[in-house]
């Protein structure tokens, strides 16, 4: 039988059904089993059915769709000095606003002395001037966060927009380091306020999350890893 002369799909079944209705009685009288007709129909349907589409290979996800490794720290801001400076004195926030403490961090320029000060994040200059006897620059980064740097010299004025990494000031090396009123000699004091409260500036550039000890295969405590 030439399959090209037959209609495809359900039409084939319909043709055989009509033929069976017309000749079914005589076929039974001649002793022809009905199940032979059913077998032929099944064979034709499976033969004429279109082949199944081959399975497509899995497409690997694009690089930007792959999530970052769990626990990876990405600093929100950048350091105000380059290269990464030494921290001469860390943040020591007071228990009360009026109490003594160290409301920022003291950074050592490298090389020691005058060094460019870079904005750690986008923002707008909210203050540029002298406080008592030292130059101070404050940048409003939005969201209630303000950075302040001293002692510095700057040509920027209040309202000037700045971008992350932009040169905004220079560490002032003209201060008298023998003067006891000088905060930290030839260094850069960096303070950060969030909604009026001083916070540790290093939290924006360093991974300050607590560490946890990962267990070894034998159950012993292993090396420390950042808390995720």
C-alpha atoms as a PDB file:
ATOM      1  CA  UNK A   1       0.000   0.000   0.000  1.00  0.00           C
ATOM      2  CA  UNK A   2       1.370   3.400  -0.997  1.00  0.00           C
ATOM      3  CA  UNK A   3       1.104   5.744   2.029  1.00  0.00           C
ATOM      4  CA  UNK A   4       1.366   8.777  -0.243  1.00  0.00           C
ATOM      5  CA  UNK A   5      -2.089   8.035  -1.681  1.00  0.00           C
ATOM      6  CA  UNK A   6      -3.658   8.007   1.784  1.00  0.00           C
ATOM      7  CA  UNK A   7      -4.808  11.066   3.724  1.00  0.00           C
ATOM      8  CA  UNK A   8      -2.752  11.664   6.836  1.00  0.00           C
ATOM      9  CA  UNK A   9      -3.665  11.524  10.519  1.00  0.00           C
ATOM     10  CA  UNK A  10      -7.317  11.272  11.578  1.00  0.00           C
ATOM     11  CA  UNK A  11      -8.463  11.131   7.902  1.00  0.00           C
ATOM     12  CA  UNK A  12      -6.956   7.643   7.563  1.00  0.00           C
ATOM     13  CA  UNK A  13      -8.896   6.405  10.559  1.00  0.00           C
ATOM     14  CA  UNK A  14     -12.096   7.978   9.242  1.00  0.00           C
ATOM     15  CA  UNK A  15     -11.705   6.216   5.883  1.00  0.00           C
ATOM     16  CA  UNK A  16     -11.224   2.846   7.506  1.00  0.00           C
ATOM     17  CA  UNK A  17     -14.151   3.374   9.827  1.00  0.00           C
ATOM     18  CA  UNK A  18     -16.432   4.108   6.871  1.00  0.00           C
ATOM     19  CA  UNK A  19     -15.094   1.079   5.031  1.00  0.00           C
ATOM     20  CA  UNK A  20     -15.675  -1.078   8.076  1.00  0.00           C
ATOM     21  CA  UNK A  21     -19.277   0.090   8.362  1.00  0.00           C
ATOM     22  CA  UNK A  22     -19.897  -0.777   4.722  1.00  0.00           C
ATOM     23  CA  UNK A  23     -18.181  -4.161   4.674  1.00  0.00           C
ATOM     24  CA  UNK A  24     -18.220  -5.177   8.332  1.00  0.00           C
ATOM     25  CA  UNK A  25     -21.187  -7.515   8.035  1.00  0.00           C
ATOM     26  CA  UNK A  26     -19.865  -9.359   4.969  1.00  0.00           C
ATOM     27  CA  UNK A  27     -16.435  -9.592   6.588  1.00  0.00           C
ATOM     28  CA  UNK A  28     -17.935 -11.315   9.590  1.00  0.00           C
ATOM     29  CA  UNK A  29     -19.910 -13.708   7.328  1.00  0.00           C
ATOM     30  CA  UNK A  30     -16.694 -14.643   5.539  1.00  0.00           C
ATOM     31  CA  UNK A  31     -15.022 -15.261   8.927  1.00  0.00           C
ATOM     32  CA  UNK A  32     -12.501 -12.457   8.762  1.00  0.00           C
ATOM     33  CA  UNK A  33     -11.547 -11.417  12.307  1.00  0.00           C
ATOM     34  CA  UNK A  34     -12.282  -7.820  13.214  1.00  0.00           C
ATOM     35  CA  UNK A  35      -9.080  -7.563  15.221  1.00  0.00           C
ATOM     36  CA  UNK A  36      -7.067  -7.719  11.933  1.00  0.00           C
ATOM     37  CA  UNK A  37      -8.691  -4.429  10.901  1.00  0.00           C
ATOM     38  CA  UNK A  38      -7.829  -2.856  14.256  1.00  0.00           C
ATOM     39  CA  UNK A  39      -4.214  -3.981  13.945  1.00  0.00           C
ATOM     40  CA  UNK A  40      -3.958  -2.424  10.486  1.00  0.00           C
ATOM     41  CA  UNK A  41      -5.354   0.872  11.788  1.00  0.00           C
ATOM     42  CA  UNK A  42      -2.828   0.986  14.635  1.00  0.00           C
ATOM     43  CA  UNK A  43       0.012   0.231  12.236  1.00  0.00           C
ATOM     44  CA  UNK A  44      -1.029   2.994   9.843  1.00  0.00           C
ATOM     45  CA  UNK A  45      -1.413   5.591  12.598  1.00  0.00           C
ATOM     46  CA  UNK A  46       2.018   4.862  14.059  1.00  0.00           C
ATOM     47  CA  UNK A  47       3.612   4.801  10.601  1.00  0.00           C
ATOM     48  CA  UNK A  48       2.086   8.063   9.392  1.00  0.00           C
ATOM     49  CA  UNK A  49       2.543   9.960  12.686  1.00  0.00           C
ATOM     50  CA  UNK A  50       5.198  12.696  12.445  1.00  0.00           C
ATOM     51  CA  UNK A  51       8.504  11.807  14.153  1.00  0.00           C
ATOM     52  CA  UNK A  52       9.054  13.244  17.629  1.00  0.00           C
ATOM     53  CA  UNK A  53      11.203  16.344  17.819  1.00  0.00           C
ATOM     54  CA  UNK A  54      14.705  15.595  19.143  1.00  0.00           C
ATOM     55  CA  UNK A  55      15.371  16.891  22.643  1.00  0.00           C
ATOM     56  CA  UNK A  56      17.265  20.168  22.616  1.00  0.00           C
ATOM     57  CA  UNK A  57      20.480  20.321  24.635  1.00  0.00           C
ATOM     58  CA  UNK A  58      20.336  22.329  27.842  1.00  0.00           C
ATOM     59  CA  UNK A  59      21.495  25.907  27.316  1.00  0.00           C
ATOM     60  CA  UNK A  60      23.977  27.066  29.954  1.00  0.00           C
ATOM     61  CA  UNK A  61      22.911  30.263  31.761  1.00  0.00           C
ATOM     62  CA  UNK A  62      24.487  33.522  30.706  1.00  0.00           C
ATOM     63  CA  UNK A  63      27.274  34.864  32.883  1.00  0.00           C
ATOM     64  CA  UNK A  64      25.118  37.688  34.228  1.00  0.00           C
ATOM     65  CA  UNK A  65      22.395  35.188  35.194  1.00  0.00           C
ATOM     66  CA  UNK A  66      24.711  33.191  37.463  1.00  0.00           C
ATOM     67  CA  UNK A  67      24.322  34.388  41.068  1.00  0.00           C
ATOM     68  CA  UNK A  68      27.388  35.604  42.933  1.00  0.00           C
ATOM     69  CA  UNK A  69      29.034  33.221  45.344  1.00  0.00           C
ATOM     70  CA  UNK A  70      27.235  33.086  48.653  1.00  0.00           C
ATOM     71  CA  UNK A  71      28.875  35.209  51.317  1.00  0.00           C
ATOM     72  CA  UNK A  72      30.935  37.298  48.884  1.00  0.00           C
ATOM     73  CA  UNK A  73      31.490  40.813  50.246  1.00  0.00           C
ATOM     74  CA  UNK A  74      31.167  43.717  47.828  1.00  0.00           C
ATOM     75  CA  UNK A  75      32.128  47.084  49.386  1.00  0.00           C
ATOM     76  CA  UNK A  76      29.454  49.731  49.048  1.00  0.00           C
ATOM     77  CA  UNK A  77      31.993  52.579  49.054  1.00  0.00           C
ATOM     78  CA  UNK A  78      35.637  52.988  48.102  1.00  0.00           C
ATOM     79  CA  UNK A  79      38.566  54.131  50.230  1.00  0.00           C
ATOM     80  CA  UNK A  80      39.142  57.917  50.349  1.00  0.00           C
ATOM     81  CA  UNK A  81      42.905  57.371  50.001  1.00  0.00           C
ATOM     82  CA  UNK A  82      44.933  55.342  47.514  1.00  0.00           C
ATOM     83  CA  UNK A  83      46.509  52.906  47.924  1.00  0.00           C
ATOM     84  CA  UNK A  84      44.509  51.375  50.771  1.00  0.00           C
ATOM     85  CA  UNK A  85      45.798  53.272  53.821  1.00  0.00           C
ATOM     86  CA  UNK A  86      46.894  52.075  57.215  1.00  0.00           C
ATOM     87  CA  UNK A  87      44.333  52.613  59.953  1.00  0.00           C
ATOM     88  CA  UNK A  88      46.171  54.522  62.676  1.00  0.00           C
ATOM     89  CA  UNK A  89      43.243  54.658  65.061  1.00  0.00           C
ATOM     90  CA  UNK A  90      39.953  52.771  64.726  1.00  0.00           C
ATOM     91  CA  UNK A  91      36.430  53.905  65.410  1.00  0.00           C
ATOM     92  CA  UNK A  92      35.382  53.996  69.072  1.00  0.00           C
ATOM     93  CA  UNK A  93      31.788  55.118  69.241  1.00  0.00           C
ATOM     94  CA  UNK A  94      30.663  56.532  72.599  1.00  0.00           C
ATOM     95  CA  UNK A  95      27.753  54.988  74.450  1.00  0.00           C
ATOM     96  CA  UNK A  96      26.126  58.433  74.617  1.00  0.00           C
ATOM     97  CA  UNK A  97      26.336  61.275  72.106  1.00  0.00           C
ATOM     98  CA  UNK A  98      27.874  63.586  74.687  1.00  0.00           C
ATOM     99  CA  UNK A  99      30.440  61.039  75.948  1.00  0.00           C
ATOM    100  CA  UNK A 100      34.083  60.821  74.914  1.00  0.00           C
ATOM    101  CA  UNK A 101      35.069  58.554  72.062  1.00  0.00           C
ATOM    102  CA  UNK A 102      36.599  58.465  68.605  1.00  0.00           C
ATOM    103  CA  UNK A 103      33.883  59.256  66.092  1.00  0.00           C
ATOM    104  CA  UNK A 104      35.700  58.089  62.995  1.00  0.00           C
ATOM    105  CA  UNK A 105      38.957  56.525  61.819  1.00  0.00           C
ATOM    106  CA  UNK A 106      42.416  58.032  61.351  1.00  0.00           C
ATOM    107  CA  UNK A 107      44.080  57.040  58.086  1.00  0.00           C
ATOM    108  CA  UNK A 108      47.739  57.361  57.176  1.00  0.00           C
ATOM    109  CA  UNK A 109      48.440  58.760  53.707  1.00  0.00           C
ATOM    110  CA  UNK A 110      51.065  56.885  51.692  1.00  0.00           C
ATOM    111  CA  UNK A 111      53.508  58.415  51.229  1.00  0.00           C
ATOM    112  CA  UNK A 112      53.171  60.294  54.478  1.00  0.00           C
ATOM    113  CA  UNK A 113      52.102  63.880  54.041  1.00  0.00           C
ATOM    114  CA  UNK A 114      49.950  65.545  51.448  1.00  0.00           C
ATOM    115  CA  UNK A 115      47.713  63.167  49.523  1.00  0.00           C
ATOM    116  CA  UNK A 116      44.619  63.453  47.350  1.00  0.00           C
ATOM    117  CA  UNK A 117      41.327  62.723  49.081  1.00  0.00           C
ATOM    118  CA  UNK A 118      38.759  60.878  46.971  1.00  0.00           C
ATOM    119  CA  UNK A 119      35.021  60.821  47.453  1.00  0.00           C
ATOM    120  CA  UNK A 120      34.041  57.348  48.714  1.00  0.00           C
ATOM    121  CA  UNK A 121      30.650  57.544  46.997  1.00  0.00           C
ATOM    122  CA  UNK A 122      28.476  59.815  44.882  1.00  0.00           C
ATOM    123  CA  UNK A 123      27.055  62.824  46.680  1.00  0.00           C
ATOM    124  CA  UNK A 124      26.848  66.575  47.113  1.00  0.00           C
ATOM    125  CA  UNK A 125      29.176  68.781  49.155  1.00  0.00           C
ATOM    126  CA  UNK A 126      27.233  69.841  52.248  1.00  0.00           C
ATOM    127  CA  UNK A 127      30.062  71.756  53.954  1.00  0.00           C
ATOM    128  CA  UNK A 128      33.468  73.079  52.953  1.00  0.00           C
ATOM    129  CA  UNK A 129      35.255  75.421  55.320  1.00  0.00           C
ATOM    130  CA  UNK A 130      37.201  75.842  58.520  1.00  0.00           C
ATOM    131  CA  UNK A 131      36.184  74.428  61.885  1.00  0.00           C
ATOM    132  CA  UNK A 132      38.232  75.995  64.712  1.00  0.00           C
ATOM    133  CA  UNK A 133      41.666  75.726  63.093  1.00  0.00           C
ATOM    134  CA  UNK A 134      41.371  72.988  60.455  1.00  0.00           C
ATOM    135  CA  UNK A 135      39.759  72.569  57.077  1.00  0.00           C
ATOM    136  CA  UNK A 136      36.760  70.265  56.931  1.00  0.00           C
ATOM    137  CA  UNK A 137      34.896  68.819  53.953  1.00  0.00           C
ATOM    138  CA  UNK A 138      31.534  67.067  54.327  1.00  0.00           C
ATOM    139  CA  UNK A 139      29.727  65.164  51.577  1.00  0.00           C
ATOM    140  CA  UNK A 140      26.058  64.189  51.720  1.00  0.00           C
ATOM    141  CA  UNK A 141      25.689  60.771  50.065  1.00  0.00           C
ATOM    142  CA  UNK A 142      21.927  60.629  50.475  1.00  0.00           C
ATOM    143  CA  UNK A 143      19.894  58.328  52.654  1.00  0.00           C
ATOM    144  CA  UNK A 144      20.959  60.242  55.768  1.00  0.00           C
ATOM    145  CA  UNK A 145      24.652  59.348  55.275  1.00  0.00           C
ATOM    146  CA  UNK A 146      27.320  62.050  55.457  1.00  0.00           C
ATOM    147  CA  UNK A 147      31.109  61.710  55.182  1.00  0.00           C
ATOM    148  CA  UNK A 148      33.461  64.254  56.773  1.00  0.00           C
ATOM    149  CA  UNK A 149      37.211  64.672  56.244  1.00  0.00           C
ATOM    150  CA  UNK A 150      39.796  66.716  58.134  1.00  0.00           C
ATOM    151  CA  UNK A 151      42.278  68.352  58.009  1.00  0.00           C
ATOM    152  CA  UNK A 152      41.957  69.055  54.288  1.00  0.00           C
ATOM    153  CA  UNK A 153      42.102  71.828  51.728  1.00  0.00           C
ATOM    154  CA  UNK A 154      39.558  71.952  48.922  1.00  0.00           C
ATOM    155  CA  UNK A 155      38.369  74.167  46.100  1.00  0.00           C
ATOM    156  CA  UNK A 156      34.862  72.765  46.159  1.00  0.00           C
ATOM    157  CA  UNK A 157      31.923  74.777  47.446  1.00  0.00           C
ATOM    158  CA  UNK A 158      28.709  73.751  49.128  1.00  0.00           C
ATOM    159  CA  UNK A 159      26.280  72.248  46.644  1.00  0.00           C
ATOM    160  CA  UNK A 160      28.963  70.856  44.322  1.00  0.00           C
ATOM    161  CA  UNK A 161      28.057  67.381  43.034  1.00  0.00           C
ATOM    162  CA  UNK A 162      30.778  64.749  43.289  1.00  0.00           C
ATOM    163  CA  UNK A 163      31.221  61.243  41.978  1.00  0.00           C
ATOM    164  CA  UNK A 164      32.694  58.174  43.602  1.00  0.00           C
ATOM    165  CA  UNK A 165      36.486  58.221  43.266  1.00  0.00           C
ATOM    166  CA  UNK A 166      36.586  61.921  42.340  1.00  0.00           C
ATOM    167  CA  UNK A 167      39.374  64.074  43.763  1.00  0.00           C
ATOM    168  CA  UNK A 168      37.629  66.317  46.289  1.00  0.00           C
ATOM    169  CA  UNK A 169      40.379  67.563  48.621  1.00  0.00           C
ATOM    170  CA  UNK A 170      43.991  67.232  49.716  1.00  0.00           C
ATOM    171  CA  UNK A 171      45.317  66.252  53.119  1.00  0.00           C
ATOM    172  CA  UNK A 172      46.570  69.456  54.782  1.00  0.00           C
ATOM    173  CA  UNK A 173      50.230  69.077  55.769  1.00  0.00           C
ATOM    174  CA  UNK A 174      50.589  72.630  57.039  1.00  0.00           C
ATOM    175  CA  UNK A 175      49.157  71.749  60.431  1.00  0.00           C
ATOM    176  CA  UNK A 176      51.527  72.027  63.359  1.00  0.00           C
ATOM    177  CA  UNK A 177      51.967  68.447  64.511  1.00  0.00           C
ATOM    178  CA  UNK A 178      53.481  69.697  67.776  1.00  0.00           C
ATOM    179  CA  UNK A 179      50.227  71.435  68.654  1.00  0.00           C
ATOM    180  CA  UNK A 180      48.395  69.261  71.151  1.00  0.00           C
ATOM    181  CA  UNK A 181      45.107  70.405  69.678  1.00  0.00           C
ATOM    182  CA  UNK A 182      45.960  68.668  66.405  1.00  0.00           C
ATOM    183  CA  UNK A 183      43.870  65.528  66.181  1.00  0.00           C
ATOM    184  CA  UNK A 184      46.297  63.036  64.665  1.00  0.00           C
ATOM    185  CA  UNK A 185      49.203  64.890  63.095  1.00  0.00           C
ATOM    186  CA  UNK A 186      49.642  64.300  59.374  1.00  0.00           C
ATOM    187  CA  UNK A 187      46.744  61.943  58.870  1.00  0.00           C
ATOM    188  CA  UNK A 188      43.236  61.989  57.475  1.00  0.00           C
ATOM    189  CA  UNK A 189      40.344  61.733  59.904  1.00  0.00           C
ATOM    190  CA  UNK A 190      37.298  60.200  58.240  1.00  0.00           C
ATOM    191  CA  UNK A 191      33.954  60.334  60.008  1.00  0.00           C
ATOM    192  CA  UNK A 192      30.578  59.029  58.837  1.00  0.00           C
ATOM    193  CA  UNK A 193      27.142  59.899  60.207  1.00  0.00           C
ATOM    194  CA  UNK A 194      23.968  57.974  59.475  1.00  0.00           C
ATOM    195  CA  UNK A 195      20.819  59.862  60.436  1.00  0.00           C
ATOM    196  CA  UNK A 196      22.922  62.018  62.743  1.00  0.00           C
ATOM    197  CA  UNK A 197      24.666  59.154  64.552  1.00  0.00           C
ATOM    198  CA  UNK A 198      28.354  58.404  64.021  1.00  0.00           C
ATOM    199  CA  UNK A 199      29.136  54.927  62.697  1.00  0.00           C
ATOM    200  CA  UNK A 200      32.307  53.066  61.795  1.00  0.00           C
ATOM    201  CA  UNK A 201      33.367  54.200  58.288  1.00  0.00           C
ATOM    202  CA  UNK A 202      35.187  50.920  57.716  1.00  0.00           C
ATOM    203  CA  UNK A 203      31.855  49.095  57.511  1.00  0.00           C
ATOM    204  CA  UNK A 204      31.426  50.630  54.047  1.00  0.00           C
ATOM    205  CA  UNK A 205      34.810  49.486  52.680  1.00  0.00           C
ATOM    206  CA  UNK A 206      35.735  46.361  54.669  1.00  0.00           C
ATOM    207  CA  UNK A 207      34.009  43.105  55.519  1.00  0.00           C
ATOM    208  CA  UNK A 208      33.110  43.698  59.163  1.00  0.00           C
ATOM    209  CA  UNK A 209      30.767  40.745  59.498  1.00  0.00           C
ATOM    210  CA  UNK A 210      31.502  38.273  62.313  1.00  0.00           C
ATOM    211  CA  UNK A 211      33.368  35.090  61.424  1.00  0.00           C
ATOM    212  CA  UNK A 212      32.244  31.527  62.018  1.00  0.00           C
ATOM    213  CA  UNK A 213      34.456  28.428  62.312  1.00  0.00           C
ATOM    214  CA  UNK A 214      33.773  25.828  59.641  1.00  0.00           C
ATOM    215  CA  UNK A 215      33.772  22.177  60.826  1.00  0.00           C
ATOM    216  CA  UNK A 216      36.383  19.798  59.403  1.00  0.00           C
ATOM    217  CA  UNK A 217      35.376  16.376  58.014  1.00  0.00           C
ATOM    218  CA  UNK A 218      36.447  14.689  61.262  1.00  0.00           C
ATOM    219  CA  UNK A 219      34.247  17.027  63.290  1.00  0.00           C
ATOM    220  CA  UNK A 220      36.985  19.322  64.523  1.00  0.00           C
ATOM    221  CA  UNK A 221      36.708  23.090  64.212  1.00  0.00           C
ATOM    222  CA  UNK A 222      38.473  24.443  61.152  1.00  0.00           C
ATOM    223  CA  UNK A 223      39.434  27.793  59.691  1.00  0.00           C
ATOM    224  CA  UNK A 224      37.341  30.887  60.168  1.00  0.00           C
ATOM    225  CA  UNK A 225      35.117  32.089  57.371  1.00  0.00           C
ATOM    226  CA  UNK A 226      33.014  35.266  57.005  1.00  0.00           C
ATOM    227  CA  UNK A 227      29.533  34.966  58.372  1.00  0.00           C
ATOM    228  CA  UNK A 228      27.083  34.576  55.493  1.00  0.00           C
END
